[in-house]
Amino acid sequence: MPYPQRGEIYLVQLPCQPKDFKERPALVVSLDIRNRLAGDIIVVPLSTTLRPAPTHVELPIGEGGLYQSSVAKCEQITTIDKSLLMQNPFAGKVSDSKMTEVEKAIMRAIGIPAL
């Protein structure tokens, strides 16, 4: 049975208020072994509002199947239940170089110095 893979982008339901959800694309950042075995996954929400920030990583149109340029908002990293995935992943995965940028931005967001 397929499972979400690191680097894929999914449309997900993110909790924003109690008993309220917001649909948006999110990048899977958890390890594949965890994604296969656990009931939840770790994601970074994406936004099409392109505001520069030390914890944002720009993803150009086409990256991971995106239809428009977006930013990964790494300061909003979160864990969601797999049942909140709304559809199959977008086309392909985010490049290794972009995933490295996301990893560094997550480290900055939690106070770990990133080179």
PDB file of N, CA and C in Angstrom:
ATOM      1  N   MET A   1       0.852  -1.187   0.000  1.00  0.00           N
ATOM      2  CA  MET A   1       0.000   0.000   0.000  1.00  0.00           C
ATOM      3  C   MET A   1       0.894   1.246   0.000  1.00  0.00           C
ATOM      4  N   PRO A   2       0.621   2.208  -0.864  1.00  0.00           N
ATOM      5  CA  PRO A   2       1.457   3.420  -0.924  1.00  0.00           C
ATOM      6  C   PRO A   2       1.340   4.248   0.358  1.00  0.00           C
ATOM      7  N   TYR A   3       2.373   4.994   0.622  1.00  0.00           N
ATOM      8  CA  TYR A   3       2.402   5.874   1.781  1.00  0.00           C
ATOM      9  C   TYR A   3       3.082   7.175   1.367  1.00  0.00           C
ATOM     10  N   PRO A   4       2.844   8.265   2.096  1.00  0.00           N
ATOM     11  CA  PRO A   4       3.498   9.535   1.756  1.00  0.00           C
ATOM     12  C   PRO A   4       5.014   9.386   1.853  1.00  0.00           C
ATOM     13  N   GLN A   5       5.711  10.030   0.940  1.00  0.00           N
ATOM     14  CA  GLN A   5       7.165   9.951   0.937  1.00  0.00           C
ATOM     15  C   GLN A   5       7.777  11.331   1.151  1.00  0.00           C
ATOM     16  N   ARG A   6       8.924  11.320   1.805  1.00  0.00           N
ATOM     17  CA  ARG A   6       9.662  12.559   2.070  1.00  0.00           C
ATOM     18  C   ARG A   6       9.892  13.291   0.747  1.00  0.00           C
ATOM     19  N   GLY A   7       9.597  14.582   0.729  1.00  0.00           N
ATOM     20  CA  GLY A   7       9.804  15.397  -0.463  1.00  0.00           C
ATOM     21  C   GLY A   7       8.570  15.546  -1.333  1.00  0.00           C
ATOM     22  N   GLU A   8       7.502  14.787  -1.035  1.00  0.00           N
ATOM     23  CA  GLU A   8       6.263  14.931  -1.806  1.00  0.00           C
ATOM     24  C   GLU A   8       5.427  16.069  -1.235  1.00  0.00           C
ATOM     25  N   ILE A   9       4.592  16.635  -2.098  1.00  0.00           N
ATOM     26  CA  ILE A   9       3.684  17.702  -1.688  1.00  0.00           C
ATOM     27  C   ILE A   9       2.261  17.171  -1.807  1.00  0.00           C
ATOM     28  N   TYR A  10       1.487  17.363  -0.752  1.00  0.00           N
ATOM     29  CA  TYR A  10       0.089  16.931  -0.702  1.00  0.00           C
ATOM     30  C   TYR A  10      -0.799  18.121  -0.376  1.00  0.00           C
ATOM     31  N   LEU A  11      -2.036  18.069  -0.815  1.00  0.00           N
ATOM     32  CA  LEU A  11      -3.054  18.973  -0.312  1.00  0.00           C
ATOM     33  C   LEU A  11      -3.533  18.348   0.993  1.00  0.00           C
ATOM     34  N   VAL A  12      -3.480  19.121   2.082  1.00  0.00           N
ATOM     35  CA  VAL A  12      -3.818  18.588   3.402  1.00  0.00           C
ATOM     36  C   VAL A  12      -4.815  19.499   4.107  1.00  0.00           C
ATOM     37  N   GLN A  13      -5.447  18.954   5.130  1.00  0.00           N
ATOM     38  CA  GLN A  13      -6.270  19.760   6.026  1.00  0.00           C
ATOM     39  C   GLN A  13      -5.418  20.057   7.252  1.00  0.00           C
ATOM     40  N   LEU A  14      -5.133  21.330   7.480  1.00  0.00           N
ATOM     41  CA  LEU A  14      -4.350  21.730   8.652  1.00  0.00           C
ATOM     42  C   LEU A  14      -5.277  22.315   9.705  1.00  0.00           C
ATOM     43  N   PRO A  15      -5.164  21.842  10.942  1.00  0.00           N
ATOM     44  CA  PRO A  15      -5.969  22.458  11.999  1.00  0.00           C
ATOM     45  C   PRO A  15      -5.529  23.903  12.208  1.00  0.00           C
ATOM     46  N   CYS A  16      -6.479  24.841  12.195  1.00  0.00           N
ATOM     47  CA  CYS A  16      -6.120  26.242  12.433  1.00  0.00           C
ATOM     48  C   CYS A  16      -6.840  26.784  13.661  1.00  0.00           C
ATOM     49  N   GLN A  17      -7.983  26.264  13.976  1.00  0.00           N
ATOM     50  CA  GLN A  17      -8.749  26.615  15.161  1.00  0.00           C
ATOM     51  C   GLN A  17      -9.381  25.318  15.665  1.00  0.00           C
ATOM     52  N   PRO A  18      -9.774  25.257  16.922  1.00  0.00           N
ATOM     53  CA  PRO A  18     -10.443  24.036  17.380  1.00  0.00           C
ATOM     54  C   PRO A  18     -11.629  23.688  16.478  1.00  0.00           C
ATOM     55  N   LYS A  19     -11.669  22.449  16.039  1.00  0.00           N
ATOM     56  CA  LYS A  19     -12.733  21.916  15.176  1.00  0.00           C
ATOM     57  C   LYS A  19     -12.815  22.617  13.827  1.00  0.00           C
ATOM     58  N   ASP A  20     -11.745  23.278  13.421  1.00  0.00           N
ATOM     59  CA  ASP A  20     -11.705  24.008  12.157  1.00  0.00           C
ATOM     60  C   ASP A  20     -10.474  23.546  11.382  1.00  0.00           C
ATOM     61  N   PHE A  21     -10.579  23.478  10.066  1.00  0.00           N
ATOM     62  CA  PHE A  21      -9.445  23.062   9.252  1.00  0.00           C
ATOM     63  C   PHE A  21      -9.299  23.993   8.061  1.00  0.00           C
ATOM     64  N   LYS A  22      -8.061  24.131   7.600  1.00  0.00           N
ATOM     65  CA  LYS A  22      -7.769  24.915   6.406  1.00  0.00           C
ATOM     66  C   LYS A  22      -7.039  24.010   5.435  1.00  0.00           C
ATOM     67  N   GLU A  23      -7.493  23.966   4.185  1.00  0.00           N
ATOM     68  CA  GLU A  23      -6.831  23.164   3.167  1.00  0.00           C
ATOM     69  C   GLU A  23      -5.690  23.965   2.552  1.00  0.00           C
ATOM     70  N   ARG A  24      -4.520  23.316   2.446  1.00  0.00           N
ATOM     71  CA  ARG A  24      -3.388  23.949   1.786  1.00  0.00           C
ATOM     72  C   ARG A  24      -2.364  22.883   1.445  1.00  0.00           C
ATOM     73  N   PRO A  25      -1.477  23.189   0.499  1.00  0.00           N
ATOM     74  CA  PRO A  25      -0.412  22.233   0.195  1.00  0.00           C
ATOM     75  C   PRO A  25       0.610  22.196   1.331  1.00  0.00           C
ATOM     76  N   ALA A  26       1.203  21.020   1.508  1.00  0.00           N
ATOM     77  CA  ALA A  26       2.231  20.860   2.543  1.00  0.00           C
ATOM     78  C   ALA A  26       3.290  19.880   2.037  1.00  0.00           C
ATOM     79  N   LEU A  27       4.515  20.133   2.427  1.00  0.00           N
ATOM     80  CA  LEU A  27       5.665  19.321   2.050  1.00  0.00           C
ATOM     81  C   LEU A  27       5.943  18.292   3.141  1.00  0.00           C
ATOM     82  N   VAL A  28       6.026  17.024   2.764  1.00  0.00           N
ATOM     83  CA  VAL A  28       6.339  15.959   3.719  1.00  0.00           C
ATOM     84  C   VAL A  28       7.839  16.007   4.021  1.00  0.00           C
ATOM     85  N   VAL A  29       8.197  16.143   5.309  1.00  0.00           N
ATOM     86  CA  VAL A  29       9.602  16.204   5.700  1.00  0.00           C
ATOM     87  C   VAL A  29      10.022  15.027   6.581  1.00  0.00           C
ATOM     88  N   SER A  30       9.079  14.231   7.059  1.00  0.00           N
ATOM     89  CA  SER A  30       9.430  13.080   7.890  1.00  0.00           C
ATOM     90  C   SER A  30      10.055  11.979   7.044  1.00  0.00           C
ATOM     91  N   LEU A  31      10.824  11.120   7.701  1.00  0.00           N
ATOM     92  CA  LEU A  31      11.522  10.032   7.022  1.00  0.00           C
ATOM     93  C   LEU A  31      10.546   8.992   6.482  1.00  0.00           C
ATOM     94  N   ASP A  32      10.893   8.373   5.362  1.00  0.00           N
ATOM     95  CA  ASP A  32      10.008   7.399   4.719  1.00  0.00           C
ATOM     96  C   ASP A  32       9.650   6.234   5.636  1.00  0.00           C
ATOM     97  N   ILE A  33      10.597   5.736   6.420  1.00  0.00           N
ATOM     98  CA  ILE A  33      10.294   4.607   7.307  1.00  0.00           C
ATOM     99  C   ILE A  33       9.228   5.008   8.319  1.00  0.00           C
ATOM    100  N   ARG A  34       9.311   6.233   8.825  1.00  0.00           N
ATOM    101  CA  ARG A  34       8.303   6.739   9.760  1.00  0.00           C
ATOM    102  C   ARG A  34       6.965   6.900   9.045  1.00  0.00           C
ATOM    103  N   ASN A  35       7.019   7.432   7.824  1.00  0.00           N
ATOM    104  CA  ASN A  35       5.785   7.646   7.068  1.00  0.00           C
ATOM    105  C   ASN A  35       5.055   6.335   6.804  1.00  0.00           C
ATOM    106  N   ARG A  36       5.818   5.263   6.624  1.00  0.00           N
ATOM    107  CA  ARG A  36       5.210   3.962   6.352  1.00  0.00           C
ATOM    108  C   ARG A  36       4.607   3.352   7.611  1.00  0.00           C
ATOM    109  N   LEU A  37       5.288   3.513   8.752  1.00  0.00           N
ATOM    110  CA  LEU A  37       4.889   2.807   9.969  1.00  0.00           C
ATOM    111  C   LEU A  37       3.956   3.594  10.892  1.00  0.00           C
ATOM    112  N   ALA A  38       4.071   4.892  10.906  1.00  0.00           N
ATOM    113  CA  ALA A  38       3.289   5.708  11.847  1.00  0.00           C
ATOM    114  C   ALA A  38       1.944   6.103  11.245  1.00  0.00           C
ATOM    115  N   GLY A  39       1.028   6.500  12.086  1.00  0.00           N
ATOM    116  CA  GLY A  39      -0.284   6.956  11.641  1.00  0.00           C
ATOM    117  C   GLY A  39      -0.310   8.425  11.290  1.00  0.00           C
ATOM    118  N   ASP A  40       0.831   9.100  11.509  1.00  0.00           N
ATOM    119  CA  ASP A  40       0.904  10.520  11.191  1.00  0.00           C
ATOM    120  C   ASP A  40       2.191  10.800  10.421  1.00  0.00           C
ATOM    121  N   ILE A  41       2.280  12.027   9.899  1.00  0.00           N
ATOM    122  CA  ILE A  41       3.460  12.465   9.147  1.00  0.00           C
ATOM    123  C   ILE A  41       3.831  13.873   9.598  1.00  0.00           C
ATOM    124  N   ILE A  42       5.077  14.242   9.346  1.00  0.00           N
ATOM    125  CA  ILE A  42       5.542  15.594   9.672  1.00  0.00           C
ATOM    126  C   ILE A  42       5.593  16.392   8.375  1.00  0.00           C
ATOM    127  N   VAL A  43       4.955  17.570   8.391  1.00  0.00           N
ATOM    128  CA  VAL A  43       4.864  18.393   7.184  1.00  0.00           C
ATOM    129  C   VAL A  43       5.226  19.840   7.481  1.00  0.00           C
ATOM    130  N   VAL A  44       5.565  20.552   6.399  1.00  0.00           N
ATOM    131  CA  VAL A  44       5.756  22.002   6.437  1.00  0.00           C
ATOM    132  C   VAL A  44       4.721  22.597   5.488  1.00  0.00           C
ATOM    133  N   PRO A  45       3.846  23.474   5.995  1.00  0.00           N
ATOM    134  CA  PRO A  45       2.839  24.087   5.138  1.00  0.00           C
ATOM    135  C   PRO A  45       3.470  25.003   4.090  1.00  0.00           C
ATOM    136  N   LEU A  46       2.800  25.105   2.936  1.00  0.00           N
ATOM    137  CA  LEU A  46       3.239  25.995   1.860  1.00  0.00           C
ATOM    138  C   LEU A  46       2.271  27.150   1.724  1.00  0.00           C
ATOM    139  N   SER A  47       2.767  28.259   1.216  1.00  0.00           N
ATOM    140  CA  SER A  47       1.945  29.442   0.969  1.00  0.00           C
ATOM    141  C   SER A  47       2.353  30.063  -0.357  1.00  0.00           C
ATOM    142  N   THR A  48       1.398  30.669  -1.044  1.00  0.00           N
ATOM    143  CA  THR A  48       1.715  31.379  -2.282  1.00  0.00           C
ATOM    144  C   THR A  48       2.018  32.855  -2.015  1.00  0.00           C
ATOM    145  N   THR A  49       1.918  33.273  -0.758  1.00  0.00           N
ATOM    146  CA  THR A  49       2.320  34.621  -0.380  1.00  0.00           C
ATOM    147  C   THR A  49       3.829  34.591  -0.150  1.00  0.00           C
ATOM    148  N   LEU A  50       4.560  35.147  -1.103  1.00  0.00           N
ATOM    149  CA  LEU A  50       6.026  35.035  -1.107  1.00  0.00           C
ATOM    150  C   LEU A  50       6.662  36.142  -0.284  1.00  0.00           C
ATOM    151  N   ARG A  51       6.774  35.915   1.010  1.00  0.00           N
ATOM    152  CA  ARG A  51       7.423  36.881   1.904  1.00  0.00           C
ATOM    153  C   ARG A  51       8.781  36.326   2.318  1.00  0.00           C
ATOM    154  N   PRO A  52       9.854  37.065   2.049  1.00  0.00           N
ATOM    155  CA  PRO A  52      11.173  36.576   2.459  1.00  0.00           C
ATOM    156  C   PRO A  52      11.279  36.512   3.980  1.00  0.00           C
ATOM    157  N   ALA A  53      11.859  35.443   4.478  1.00  0.00           N
ATOM    158  CA  ALA A  53      12.111  35.273   5.910  1.00  0.00           C
ATOM    159  C   ALA A  53      13.183  34.199   6.063  1.00  0.00           C
ATOM    160  N   PRO A  54      13.935  34.246   7.144  1.00  0.00           N
ATOM    161  CA  PRO A  54      14.994  33.250   7.339  1.00  0.00           C
ATOM    162  C   PRO A  54      14.470  31.815   7.438  1.00  0.00           C
ATOM    163  N   THR A  55      13.187  31.675   7.770  1.00  0.00           N
ATOM    164  CA  THR A  55      12.602  30.338   7.920  1.00  0.00           C
ATOM    165  C   THR A  55      11.707  29.954   6.741  1.00  0.00           C
ATOM    166  N   HIS A  56      11.751  30.748   5.667  1.00  0.00           N
ATOM    167  CA  HIS A  56      10.981  30.448   4.454  1.00  0.00           C
ATOM    168  C   HIS A  56      11.923  29.967   3.359  1.00  0.00           C
ATOM    169  N   VAL A  57      11.455  28.982   2.587  1.00  0.00           N
ATOM    170  CA  VAL A  57      12.221  28.482   1.445  1.00  0.00           C
ATOM    171  C   VAL A  57      11.339  28.604   0.214  1.00  0.00           C
ATOM    172  N   GLU A  58      11.808  29.357  -0.775  1.00  0.00           N
ATOM    173  CA  GLU A  58      11.022  29.525  -1.998  1.00  0.00           C
ATOM    174  C   GLU A  58      11.089  28.262  -2.853  1.00  0.00           C
ATOM    175  N   LEU A  59       9.929  27.849  -3.319  1.00  0.00           N
ATOM    176  CA  LEU A  59       9.802  26.697  -4.213  1.00  0.00           C
ATOM    177  C   LEU A  59       9.204  27.208  -5.525  1.00  0.00           C
ATOM    178  N   PRO A  60       9.968  27.171  -6.602  1.00  0.00           N
ATOM    179  CA  PRO A  60       9.476  27.731  -7.865  1.00  0.00           C
ATOM    180  C   PRO A  60       8.386  26.862  -8.481  1.00  0.00           C
ATOM    181  N   ILE A  61       7.647  27.458  -9.386  1.00  0.00           N
ATOM    182  CA  ILE A  61       6.614  26.728 -10.109  1.00  0.00           C
ATOM    183  C   ILE A  61       7.224  25.463 -10.714  1.00  0.00           C
ATOM    184  N   GLY A  62       6.521  24.356 -10.622  1.00  0.00           N
ATOM    185  CA  GLY A  62       7.002  23.085 -11.148  1.00  0.00           C
ATOM    186  C   GLY A  62       7.729  22.230 -10.118  1.00  0.00           C
ATOM    187  N   GLU A  63       8.313  22.857  -9.111  1.00  0.00           N
ATOM    188  CA  GLU A  63       9.032  22.097  -8.071  1.00  0.00           C
ATOM    189  C   GLU A  63       8.042  21.193  -7.342  1.00  0.00           C
ATOM    190  N   GLY A  64       8.289  19.899  -7.368  1.00  0.00           N
ATOM    191  CA  GLY A  64       7.396  18.947  -6.699  1.00  0.00           C
ATOM    192  C   GLY A  64       5.995  18.920  -7.267  1.00  0.00           C
ATOM    193  N   GLY A  65       5.818  19.482  -8.476  1.00  0.00           N
ATOM    194  CA  GLY A  65       4.501  19.507  -9.103  1.00  0.00           C
ATOM    195  C   GLY A  65       3.670  20.739  -8.778  1.00  0.00           C
ATOM    196  N   LEU A  66       4.294  21.759  -8.196  1.00  0.00           N
ATOM    197  CA  LEU A  66       3.549  22.976  -7.841  1.00  0.00           C
ATOM    198  C   LEU A  66       3.052  23.707  -9.085  1.00  0.00           C
ATOM    199  N   TYR A  67       1.837  24.216  -9.011  1.00  0.00           N
ATOM    200  CA  TYR A  67       1.241  24.973 -10.112  1.00  0.00           C
ATOM    201  C   TYR A  67       1.600  26.448 -10.057  1.00  0.00           C
ATOM    202  N   GLN A  68       2.078  26.905  -8.885  1.00  0.00           N
ATOM    203  CA  GLN A  68       2.526  28.285  -8.757  1.00  0.00           C
ATOM    204  C   GLN A  68       3.639  28.359  -7.723  1.00  0.00           C
ATOM    205  N   SER A  69       4.449  29.391  -7.846  1.00  0.00           N
ATOM    206  CA  SER A  69       5.549  29.564  -6.896  1.00  0.00           C
ATOM    207  C   SER A  69       4.991  29.668  -5.486  1.00  0.00           C
ATOM    208  N   SER A  70       5.717  29.081  -4.556  1.00  0.00           N
ATOM    209  CA  SER A  70       5.255  29.026  -3.168  1.00  0.00           C
ATOM    210  C   SER A  70       6.456  29.148  -2.245  1.00  0.00           C
ATOM    211  N   VAL A  71       6.178  29.289  -0.943  1.00  0.00           N
ATOM    212  CA  VAL A  71       7.225  29.225   0.063  1.00  0.00           C
ATOM    213  C   VAL A  71       6.856  28.153   1.077  1.00  0.00           C
ATOM    214  N   ALA A  72       7.870  27.411   1.498  1.00  0.00           N
ATOM    215  CA  ALA A  72       7.715  26.480   2.608  1.00  0.00           C
ATOM    216  C   ALA A  72       7.910  27.284   3.884  1.00  0.00           C
ATOM    217  N   LYS A  73       6.899  27.305   4.731  1.00  0.00           N
ATOM    218  CA  LYS A  73       6.943  28.085   5.971  1.00  0.00           C
ATOM    219  C   LYS A  73       7.448  27.179   7.094  1.00  0.00           C
ATOM    220  N   CYS A  74       8.768  27.061   7.170  1.00  0.00           N
ATOM    221  CA  CYS A  74       9.405  26.067   8.036  1.00  0.00           C
ATOM    222  C   CYS A  74       9.195  26.333   9.523  1.00  0.00           C
ATOM    223  N   GLU A  75       8.833  27.544   9.888  1.00  0.00           N
ATOM    224  CA  GLU A  75       8.531  27.836  11.284  1.00  0.00           C
ATOM    225  C   GLU A  75       7.190  27.236  11.704  1.00  0.00           C
ATOM    226  N   GLN A  76       6.420  26.742  10.739  1.00  0.00           N
ATOM    227  CA  GLN A  76       5.109  26.150  11.027  1.00  0.00           C
ATOM    228  C   GLN A  76       5.123  24.629  10.904  1.00  0.00           C
ATOM    229  N   ILE A  77       6.287  24.010  11.014  1.00  0.00           N
ATOM    230  CA  ILE A  77       6.391  22.556  10.931  1.00  0.00           C
ATOM    231  C   ILE A  77       5.394  21.938  11.915  1.00  0.00           C
ATOM    232  N   THR A  78       4.718  20.873  11.472  1.00  0.00           N
ATOM    233  CA  THR A  78       3.691  20.262  12.310  1.00  0.00           C
ATOM    234  C   THR A  78       3.519  18.787  11.966  1.00  0.00           C
ATOM    235  N   THR A  79       2.884  18.079  12.852  1.00  0.00           N
ATOM    236  CA  THR A  79       2.560  16.674  12.646  1.00  0.00           C
ATOM    237  C   THR A  79       1.061  16.574  12.414  1.00  0.00           C
ATOM    238  N   ILE A  80       0.675  15.825  11.362  1.00  0.00           N
ATOM    239  CA  ILE A  80      -0.751  15.640  11.088  1.00  0.00           C
ATOM    240  C   ILE A  80      -1.041  14.158  10.880  1.00  0.00           C
ATOM    241  N   ASP A  81      -2.246  13.762  11.178  1.00  0.00           N
ATOM    242  CA  ASP A  81      -2.698  12.405  10.929  1.00  0.00           C
ATOM    243  C   ASP A  81      -2.793  12.178   9.425  1.00  0.00           C
ATOM    244  N   LYS A  82      -2.462  10.990   8.978  1.00  0.00           N
ATOM    245  CA  LYS A  82      -2.515  10.693   7.543  1.00  0.00           C
ATOM    246  C   LYS A  82      -3.926  10.856   6.974  1.00  0.00           C
ATOM    247  N   SER A  83      -4.936  10.756   7.817  1.00  0.00           N
ATOM    248  CA  SER A  83      -6.318  10.918   7.340  1.00  0.00           C
ATOM    249  C   SER A  83      -6.588  12.337   6.865  1.00  0.00           C
ATOM    250  N   LEU A  84      -5.702  13.294   7.187  1.00  0.00           N
ATOM    251  CA  LEU A  84      -5.882  14.686   6.768  1.00  0.00           C
ATOM    252  C   LEU A  84      -5.301  14.964   5.381  1.00  0.00           C
ATOM    253  N   LEU A  85      -4.717  13.933   4.743  1.00  0.00           N
ATOM    254  CA  LEU A  85      -4.261  14.076   3.351  1.00  0.00           C
ATOM    255  C   LEU A  85      -5.499  14.100   2.466  1.00  0.00           C
ATOM    256  N   MET A  86      -5.619  15.118   1.608  1.00  0.00           N
ATOM    257  CA  MET A  86      -6.831  15.318   0.823  1.00  0.00           C
ATOM    258  C   MET A  86      -6.826  14.591  -0.522  1.00  0.00           C
ATOM    259  N   GLN A  87      -5.663  14.277  -1.045  1.00  0.00           N
ATOM    260  CA  GLN A  87      -5.589  13.679  -2.376  1.00  0.00           C
ATOM    261  C   GLN A  87      -4.228  13.031  -2.537  1.00  0.00           C
ATOM    262  N   ASN A  88      -3.972  12.463  -3.694  1.00  0.00           N
ATOM    263  CA  ASN A  88      -2.656  11.907  -3.995  1.00  0.00           C
ATOM    264  C   ASN A  88      -1.636  13.032  -4.042  1.00  0.00           C
ATOM    265  N   PRO A  89      -0.332  12.682  -3.972  1.00  0.00           N
ATOM    266  CA  PRO A  89       0.681  13.744  -4.019  1.00  0.00           C
ATOM    267  C   PRO A  89       0.673  14.464  -5.357  1.00  0.00           C
ATOM    268  N   PHE A  90       1.194  15.682  -5.348  1.00  0.00           N
ATOM    269  CA  PHE A  90       1.404  16.400  -6.596  1.00  0.00           C
ATOM    270  C   PHE A  90       2.431  15.595  -7.393  1.00  0.00           C
ATOM    271  N   ALA A  91       2.803  16.028  -8.566  1.00  0.00           N
ATOM    272  CA  ALA A  91       3.724  15.278  -9.434  1.00  0.00           C
ATOM    273  C   ALA A  91       5.163  15.384  -8.945  1.00  0.00           C
ATOM    274  N   GLY A  92       5.779  14.257  -8.664  1.00  0.00           N
ATOM    275  CA  GLY A  92       7.196  14.235  -8.326  1.00  0.00           C
ATOM    276  C   GLY A  92       7.493  14.669  -6.907  1.00  0.00           C
ATOM    277  N   LYS A  93       8.781  14.902  -6.677  1.00  0.00           N
ATOM    278  CA  LYS A  93       9.267  15.309  -5.360  1.00  0.00           C
ATOM    279  C   LYS A  93      10.059  16.605  -5.485  1.00  0.00           C
ATOM    280  N   VAL A  94      10.210  17.277  -4.369  1.00  0.00           N
ATOM    281  CA  VAL A  94      11.054  18.465  -4.292  1.00  0.00           C
ATOM    282  C   VAL A  94      12.504  18.005  -4.431  1.00  0.00           C
ATOM    283  N   SER A  95      13.324  18.781  -5.106  1.00  0.00           N
ATOM    284  CA  SER A  95      14.727  18.415  -5.341  1.00  0.00           C
ATOM    285  C   SER A  95      15.496  18.280  -4.027  1.00  0.00           C
ATOM    286  N   ASP A  96      16.580  17.514  -4.084  1.00  0.00           N
ATOM    287  CA  ASP A  96      17.434  17.326  -2.903  1.00  0.00           C
ATOM    288  C   ASP A  96      17.990  18.651  -2.395  1.00  0.00           C
ATOM    289  N   SER A  97      18.345  19.550  -3.313  1.00  0.00           N
ATOM    290  CA  SER A  97      18.909  20.838  -2.878  1.00  0.00           C
ATOM    291  C   SER A  97      17.853  21.677  -2.143  1.00  0.00           C
ATOM    292  N   LYS A  98      16.610  21.635  -2.605  1.00  0.00           N
ATOM    293  CA  LYS A  98      15.541  22.370  -1.905  1.00  0.00           C
ATOM    294  C   LYS A  98      15.234  21.730  -0.560  1.00  0.00           C
ATOM    295  N   MET A  99      15.287  20.387  -0.488  1.00  0.00           N
ATOM    296  CA  MET A  99      15.056  19.719   0.795  1.00  0.00           C
ATOM    297  C   MET A  99      16.141  20.103   1.798  1.00  0.00           C
ATOM    298  N   THR A 100      17.376  20.261   1.329  1.00  0.00           N
ATOM    299  CA  THR A 100      18.459  20.695   2.211  1.00  0.00           C
ATOM    300  C   THR A 100      18.183  22.104   2.727  1.00  0.00           C
ATOM    301  N   GLU A 101      17.696  22.987   1.860  1.00  0.00           N
ATOM    302  CA  GLU A 101      17.331  24.344   2.291  1.00  0.00           C
ATOM    303  C   GLU A 101      16.226  24.298   3.341  1.00  0.00           C
ATOM    304  N   VAL A 102      15.230  23.428   3.137  1.00  0.00           N
ATOM    305  CA  VAL A 102      14.127  23.276   4.090  1.00  0.00           C
ATOM    306  C   VAL A 102      14.667  22.778   5.430  1.00  0.00           C
ATOM    307  N   GLU A 103      15.544  21.789   5.415  1.00  0.00           N
ATOM    308  CA  GLU A 103      16.138  21.279   6.656  1.00  0.00           C
ATOM    309  C   GLU A 103      16.839  22.396   7.420  1.00  0.00           C
ATOM    310  N   LYS A 104      17.612  23.209   6.726  1.00  0.00           N
ATOM    311  CA  LYS A 104      18.329  24.313   7.373  1.00  0.00           C
ATOM    312  C   LYS A 104      17.356  25.344   7.942  1.00  0.00           C
ATOM    313  N   ALA A 105      16.282  25.632   7.210  1.00  0.00           N
ATOM    314  CA  ALA A 105      15.291  26.608   7.683  1.00  0.00           C
ATOM    315  C   ALA A 105      14.548  26.070   8.913  1.00  0.00           C
ATOM    316  N   ILE A 106      14.292  24.773   8.957  1.00  0.00           N
ATOM    317  CA  ILE A 106      13.669  24.174  10.145  1.00  0.00           C
ATOM    318  C   ILE A 106      14.614  24.321  11.338  1.00  0.00           C
ATOM    319  N   MET A 107      15.893  24.070  11.120  1.00  0.00           N
ATOM    320  CA  MET A 107      16.872  24.220  12.196  1.00  0.00           C
ATOM    321  C   MET A 107      16.887  25.658  12.713  1.00  0.00           C
ATOM    322  N   ARG A 108      16.866  26.640  11.802  1.00  0.00           N
ATOM    323  CA  ARG A 108      16.823  28.047  12.230  1.00  0.00           C
ATOM    324  C   ARG A 108      15.556  28.315  13.046  1.00  0.00           C
ATOM    325  N   ALA A 109      14.437  27.736  12.600  1.00  0.00           N
ATOM    326  CA  ALA A 109      13.159  27.976  13.268  1.00  0.00           C
ATOM    327  C   ALA A 109      13.144  27.463  14.700  1.00  0.00           C
ATOM    328  N   ILE A 110      13.923  26.413  14.987  1.00  0.00           N
ATOM    329  CA  ILE A 110      13.939  25.870  16.342  1.00  0.00           C
ATOM    330  C   ILE A 110      15.190  26.264  17.122  1.00  0.00           C
ATOM    331  N   GLY A 111      15.974  27.185  16.564  1.00  0.00           N
ATOM    332  CA  GLY A 111      17.093  27.766  17.294  1.00  0.00           C
ATOM    333  C   GLY A 111      18.412  27.030  17.178  1.00  0.00           C
ATOM    334  N   ILE A 112      18.531  26.150  16.195  1.00  0.00           N
ATOM    335  CA  ILE A 112      19.796  25.464  15.970  1.00  0.00           C
ATOM    336  C   ILE A 112      20.528  26.205  14.868  1.00  0.00           C
ATOM    337  N   PRO A 113      21.746  26.675  15.111  1.00  0.00           N
ATOM    338  CA  PRO A 113      22.476  27.397  14.052  1.00  0.00           C
ATOM    339  C   PRO A 113      22.654  26.524  12.812  1.00  0.00           C
ATOM    340  N   ALA A 114      22.289  27.062  11.669  1.00  0.00           N
ATOM    341  CA  ALA A 114      22.422  26.349  10.399  1.00  0.00           C
ATOM    342  C   ALA A 114      23.464  27.057   9.551  1.00  0.00           C
ATOM    343  N   LEU A 115      24.363  26.297   8.995  1.00  0.00           N
ATOM    344  CA  LEU A 115      25.415  26.884   8.163  1.00  0.00           C
ATOM    345  C   LEU A 115      24.886  27.298   6.816  1.00  0.00           C
TER     346      LEU A 115
END
